[in-house]
Amino acid sequence: MWPDIPIPFGTHPAQIQTYSLLIALGVCHLLLGVDTTARKQELDRAESSKYLYCLGLACGGGWVFAMVVTRWLYDGQAPWGTAAAMPGLIGGAVILYVATKVCHVPLRRHLELTIPFICYMHAWGRLGCFMAGCCHGLPTDSFLGVQFPTDSPACQLHGVQPVHPTQLYEMCLLIGIGLATQFKVPPPHRIWVYLITYGIGRFLIEFLRGDNRGVIDLIPSLSPSQHLTILFVIAGGCLAIRHFRLAKR
């Protein structure tokens, strides 16, 4: 756990939040990865530039949307700046759809090459969660357990004992999906493969989470993120069925 990076600055030293820094690196990875891939595939430069602007707008808008939704999930108790990832992904996707419609950019073609880098960006964020000590798991005796410092959220909630590093579990899941969709999965299949595999993986990881994740009363035994992962899987399944039906025709 390394939540802050001290920066000597004369008589007034400053600090950078590690989580914010890693989120910024993730967004840079996303934009640079998409731009590099578009250049390699020799896509129209004007069209690709418009898409990058739309993608940047979706990142910023998704972050704001996530902060608002997170405040709602926690009944206004979460401090401003706290943002859950899945509402951000959904909000960002809606903003990206609207922005590409306004700019007359074919979304599906560009989104297919974007999927791997969305995974990498999200993985950077999960590493940031680990460094900040948030989004931790339940206590465990497994060799995978991680002992966070005594002043960490995990110790404040569960005492001084190892917990599941669910942040790293999800980071590995996202890197695996990113590599698979970038190098193994054909572009037409990437969107639904991502939605289904991430949805199922995140749904299972949530059972190991040991932090406060907010409340949705629709299915009380499930966390808000599990509610959203069900939507991910349903959306991915619908896209897969549609794709294979069109392929048969």
Protein backbone atom coordinates (compact mmCIF):
# COMPACT_ATOMS: atom_id res chain seq x y z
CA MET A 1 0.00 0.00 0.00
CA TRP A 2 1.46 3.32 -1.12
CA PRO A 3 -1.38 5.85 -1.31
CA ASP A 4 0.72 9.00 -1.76
CA ILE A 5 4.01 9.88 -3.42
CA PRO A 6 5.81 12.73 -1.60
CA ILE A 7 7.39 15.36 -3.84
CA PRO A 8 10.04 17.66 -2.31
CA PHE A 9 9.15 21.22 -3.23
CA GLY A 10 11.17 23.70 -1.22
CA THR A 11 9.73 24.30 2.23
CA HIS A 12 6.26 23.15 1.10
CA PRO A 13 6.48 19.48 0.04
CA ALA A 14 3.58 18.23 -2.05
CA GLN A 15 2.02 14.83 -2.55
CA ILE A 16 0.55 13.02 -5.53
CA GLN A 17 -2.13 10.41 -4.98
CA THR A 18 -0.88 7.13 -6.41
CA TYR A 19 -4.41 6.15 -7.44
CA SER A 20 -4.88 9.35 -9.46
CA LEU A 21 -1.46 8.94 -11.07
CA LEU A 22 -2.21 5.36 -12.16
CA ILE A 23 -5.64 6.37 -13.49
CA ALA A 24 -3.90 9.04 -15.59
CA LEU A 25 -1.42 6.45 -16.88
CA GLY A 26 -4.32 4.18 -17.76
CA VAL A 27 -6.05 6.89 -19.80
CA CYS A 28 -2.76 7.65 -21.60
CA HIS A 29 -2.36 3.92 -22.34
CA LEU A 30 -5.88 3.87 -23.76
CA LEU A 31 -5.49 6.89 -26.03
CA LEU A 32 -1.97 6.05 -27.22
CA GLY A 33 -2.86 2.40 -27.78
CA VAL A 34 -5.94 3.24 -29.85
CA ASP A 35 -4.05 5.86 -31.87
CA THR A 36 -1.12 3.52 -32.57
CA THR A 37 -3.43 0.68 -33.62
CA ALA A 38 -5.43 2.97 -35.89
CA ARG A 39 -2.21 4.10 -37.58
CA LYS A 40 -1.05 0.49 -38.07
CA GLN A 41 -4.38 -0.40 -39.65
CA GLU A 42 -4.13 2.73 -41.82
CA LEU A 43 -7.55 4.00 -40.84
CA ASP A 44 -8.63 7.43 -42.04
CA ARG A 45 -6.65 9.94 -39.96
CA ALA A 46 -9.37 12.59 -39.79
CA GLU A 47 -11.91 10.00 -38.68
CA SER A 48 -9.51 8.50 -36.13
CA SER A 49 -8.72 11.93 -34.72
CA LYS A 50 -12.41 12.64 -34.22
CA TYR A 51 -12.79 9.29 -32.49
CA LEU A 52 -9.91 10.07 -30.11
CA TYR A 53 -11.60 13.33 -29.14
CA CYS A 54 -14.82 11.40 -28.52
CA LEU A 55 -12.90 8.83 -26.47
CA GLY A 56 -11.28 11.54 -24.36
CA LEU A 57 -14.69 13.12 -23.75
CA ALA A 58 -16.07 9.72 -22.75
CA CYS A 59 -13.24 9.22 -20.24
CA GLY A 60 -13.88 12.57 -18.56
CA GLY A 61 -17.64 12.25 -18.67
CA GLY A 62 -17.56 8.68 -17.44
CA TRP A 63 -15.46 9.74 -14.45
CA VAL A 64 -17.95 12.47 -13.51
CA PHE A 65 -20.88 10.07 -13.98
CA ALA A 66 -19.14 7.48 -11.79
CA MET A 67 -18.62 10.01 -8.99
CA VAL A 68 -22.31 10.98 -9.03
CA VAL A 69 -23.51 7.36 -9.07
CA THR A 70 -21.05 6.36 -6.35
CA ARG A 71 -22.41 9.11 -4.09
CA TRP A 72 -25.90 7.74 -4.72
CA LEU A 73 -24.90 4.12 -4.01
CA TYR A 74 -23.39 5.16 -0.69
CA ASP A 75 -26.30 7.47 0.28
CA GLY A 76 -24.09 10.53 -0.02
CA GLN A 77 -21.50 9.16 2.43
CA ALA A 78 -18.71 8.65 -0.12
CA PRO A 79 -16.46 11.73 -0.46
CA TRP A 80 -16.42 13.55 -3.79
CA GLY A 81 -13.71 12.09 -6.00
CA THR A 82 -14.62 8.50 -5.09
CA ALA A 83 -15.67 6.74 -8.29
CA ALA A 84 -16.75 3.14 -8.84
CA ALA A 85 -15.37 1.66 -12.05
CA MET A 86 -18.42 -0.04 -13.52
CA PRO A 87 -20.73 3.01 -13.47
CA GLY A 88 -17.86 4.88 -15.13
CA LEU A 89 -17.63 2.26 -17.89
CA ILE A 90 -21.36 2.42 -18.52
CA GLY A 91 -21.55 6.21 -18.40
CA GLY A 92 -18.49 6.52 -20.61
CA ALA A 93 -19.99 4.09 -23.14
CA VAL A 94 -23.18 6.15 -23.38
CA ILE A 95 -21.21 9.38 -23.83
CA LEU A 96 -18.99 7.73 -26.44
CA TYR A 97 -22.05 6.54 -28.37
CA VAL A 98 -23.61 10.02 -28.40
CA ALA A 99 -20.33 11.75 -29.24
CA THR A 100 -19.58 9.47 -32.19
CA LYS A 101 -23.11 9.97 -33.52
CA VAL A 102 -22.69 13.75 -33.35
CA CYS A 103 -19.25 13.57 -35.02
CA HIS A 104 -20.41 11.01 -37.63
CA VAL A 105 -17.76 8.45 -36.64
CA PRO A 106 -18.51 4.72 -37.14
CA LEU A 107 -18.44 3.53 -33.54
CA ARG A 108 -18.31 -0.24 -33.99
CA ARG A 109 -15.21 -0.23 -36.20
CA HIS A 110 -13.24 1.88 -33.73
CA LEU A 111 -14.66 0.26 -30.60
CA GLU A 112 -13.44 -3.14 -31.74
CA LEU A 113 -9.84 -1.91 -31.72
CA THR A 114 -10.45 -0.03 -28.44
CA ILE A 115 -11.60 -2.99 -26.33
CA PRO A 116 -8.12 -4.34 -25.40
CA PHE A 117 -6.99 -0.89 -24.27
CA ILE A 118 -10.13 -0.38 -22.17
CA CYS A 119 -9.04 -3.52 -20.32
CA TYR A 120 -5.51 -2.19 -19.84
CA MET A 121 -6.80 1.19 -18.65
CA HIS A 122 -9.06 -0.54 -16.12
CA ALA A 123 -6.16 -2.73 -14.99
CA TRP A 124 -4.09 0.39 -14.22
CA GLY A 125 -6.99 1.60 -12.11
CA ARG A 126 -7.15 -1.66 -10.15
CA LEU A 127 -3.43 -1.40 -9.43
CA GLY A 128 -4.21 2.08 -8.14
CA CYS A 129 -6.86 0.59 -5.85
CA PHE A 130 -4.30 -1.84 -4.45
CA MET A 131 -1.81 0.96 -3.82
CA ALA A 132 -4.51 3.04 -2.11
CA GLY A 133 -5.73 0.07 -0.04
CA CYS A 134 -9.35 0.32 -1.17
CA CYS A 135 -11.55 -2.36 -2.80
CA HIS A 136 -9.93 -5.05 -0.63
CA GLY A 137 -11.19 -8.56 -0.04
CA LEU A 138 -12.34 -10.68 2.86
CA PRO A 139 -9.91 -12.12 5.46
CA THR A 140 -8.18 -15.28 4.28
CA ASP A 141 -5.62 -17.86 5.41
CA SER A 142 -4.63 -18.51 1.80
CA PHE A 143 -1.05 -17.94 0.66
CA LEU A 144 -2.53 -15.28 -1.63
CA GLY A 145 -3.57 -13.15 1.33
CA VAL A 146 -2.01 -9.70 1.69
CA GLN A 147 -1.43 -7.95 5.02
CA PHE A 148 -2.16 -4.25 4.61
CA PRO A 149 -0.76 -1.64 7.06
CA THR A 150 -2.58 -1.06 10.33
CA ASP A 151 -3.97 2.29 9.18
CA SER A 152 -5.44 0.79 6.00
CA PRO A 153 -9.20 0.45 5.34
CA ALA A 154 -8.81 -3.35 5.43
CA CYS A 155 -7.36 -3.34 8.95
CA GLN A 156 -9.86 -0.78 10.18
CA LEU A 157 -12.67 -3.08 9.02
CA HIS A 158 -11.28 -6.59 9.64
CA GLY A 159 -8.43 -6.10 12.09
CA VAL A 160 -4.79 -6.97 11.52
CA GLN A 161 -5.07 -10.05 9.32
CA PRO A 162 -4.41 -10.91 5.66
CA VAL A 163 -7.18 -10.29 3.15
CA HIS A 164 -7.79 -11.33 -0.44
CA PRO A 165 -6.07 -8.87 -2.81
CA THR A 166 -9.19 -8.65 -4.97
CA GLN A 167 -7.71 -5.61 -6.71
CA LEU A 168 -4.89 -7.75 -8.08
CA TYR A 169 -7.27 -10.60 -8.98
CA GLU A 170 -9.27 -8.23 -11.14
CA MET A 171 -6.13 -6.63 -12.57
CA CYS A 172 -4.92 -10.04 -13.76
CA LEU A 173 -8.37 -10.80 -15.19
CA LEU A 174 -8.36 -7.54 -17.15
CA ILE A 175 -4.84 -8.00 -18.48
CA GLY A 176 -5.76 -11.53 -19.60
CA ILE A 177 -8.88 -10.29 -21.41
CA GLY A 178 -6.88 -7.45 -22.94
CA LEU A 179 -4.19 -9.74 -24.30
CA ALA A 180 -6.75 -12.24 -25.58
CA THR A 181 -8.85 -9.63 -27.37
CA GLN A 182 -5.78 -7.91 -28.80
CA PHE A 183 -3.96 -10.96 -30.14
CA LYS A 184 -6.36 -13.93 -30.30
CA VAL A 185 -9.98 -12.79 -30.65
CA PRO A 186 -11.00 -11.54 -34.13
CA PRO A 187 -12.18 -7.89 -34.06
CA PRO A 188 -15.87 -8.68 -34.80
CA HIS A 189 -16.02 -10.82 -31.65
CA ARG A 190 -14.16 -8.53 -29.25
CA ILE A 191 -17.06 -6.55 -27.84
CA TRP A 192 -19.22 -9.49 -26.78
CA VAL A 193 -16.23 -11.53 -25.59
CA TYR A 194 -15.19 -8.64 -23.35
CA LEU A 195 -18.69 -8.08 -21.97
CA ILE A 196 -19.25 -11.74 -21.12
CA THR A 197 -15.80 -12.66 -19.79
CA TYR A 198 -15.37 -9.51 -17.71
CA GLY A 199 -18.96 -9.72 -16.48
CA ILE A 200 -18.58 -13.30 -15.27
CA GLY A 201 -15.11 -12.74 -13.83
CA ARG A 202 -16.10 -9.61 -11.94
CA PHE A 203 -19.30 -11.28 -10.68
CA LEU A 204 -17.23 -14.08 -9.10
CA ILE A 205 -14.55 -11.78 -7.67
CA GLU A 206 -17.24 -9.76 -5.92
CA PHE A 207 -17.94 -12.72 -3.63
CA LEU A 208 -14.42 -12.27 -2.21
CA ARG A 209 -14.76 -8.52 -1.63
CA GLY A 210 -14.69 -7.41 1.99
CA ASP A 211 -15.29 -3.67 1.74
CA ASN A 212 -18.41 -1.52 1.72
CA ARG A 213 -19.68 -1.47 -1.87
CA GLY A 214 -22.96 0.39 -1.50
CA VAL A 215 -26.47 -1.01 -1.81
CA ILE A 216 -29.02 -1.74 -4.53
CA ASP A 217 -32.22 -3.30 -3.18
CA LEU A 218 -33.19 -5.12 -6.39
CA ILE A 219 -31.39 -8.34 -5.37
CA PRO A 220 -30.27 -7.71 -1.76
CA SER A 221 -27.80 -10.62 -1.67
CA LEU A 222 -25.82 -9.16 -4.59
CA SER A 223 -23.59 -6.08 -4.63
CA PRO A 224 -24.27 -3.14 -6.97
CA SER A 225 -21.38 -4.27 -9.18
CA GLN A 226 -22.89 -7.74 -9.48
CA HIS A 227 -26.15 -6.18 -10.63
CA LEU A 228 -24.22 -4.35 -13.35
CA THR A 229 -22.21 -7.42 -14.36
CA ILE A 230 -25.49 -9.23 -15.04
CA LEU A 231 -26.31 -6.44 -17.51
CA PHE A 232 -22.84 -6.87 -19.04
CA VAL A 233 -23.38 -10.58 -19.60
CA ILE A 234 -26.90 -10.10 -21.00
CA ALA A 235 -25.69 -7.39 -23.39
CA GLY A 236 -22.74 -9.55 -24.48
CA GLY A 237 -25.01 -12.55 -25.01
CA CYS A 238 -27.42 -10.51 -27.14
CA LEU A 239 -24.54 -9.19 -29.27
CA ALA A 240 -23.13 -12.70 -29.70
CA ILE A 241 -26.50 -14.12 -30.77
CA ARG A 242 -27.01 -11.25 -33.20
CA HIS A 243 -23.51 -11.69 -34.64
CA PHE A 244 -23.91 -15.43 -35.25
CA ARG A 245 -27.37 -14.99 -36.75
CA LEU A 246 -26.03 -12.43 -39.21
CA ALA A 247 -23.08 -14.71 -39.98
CA LYS A 248 -25.44 -17.57 -40.86
CA ARG A 249 -27.42 -15.31 -43.20
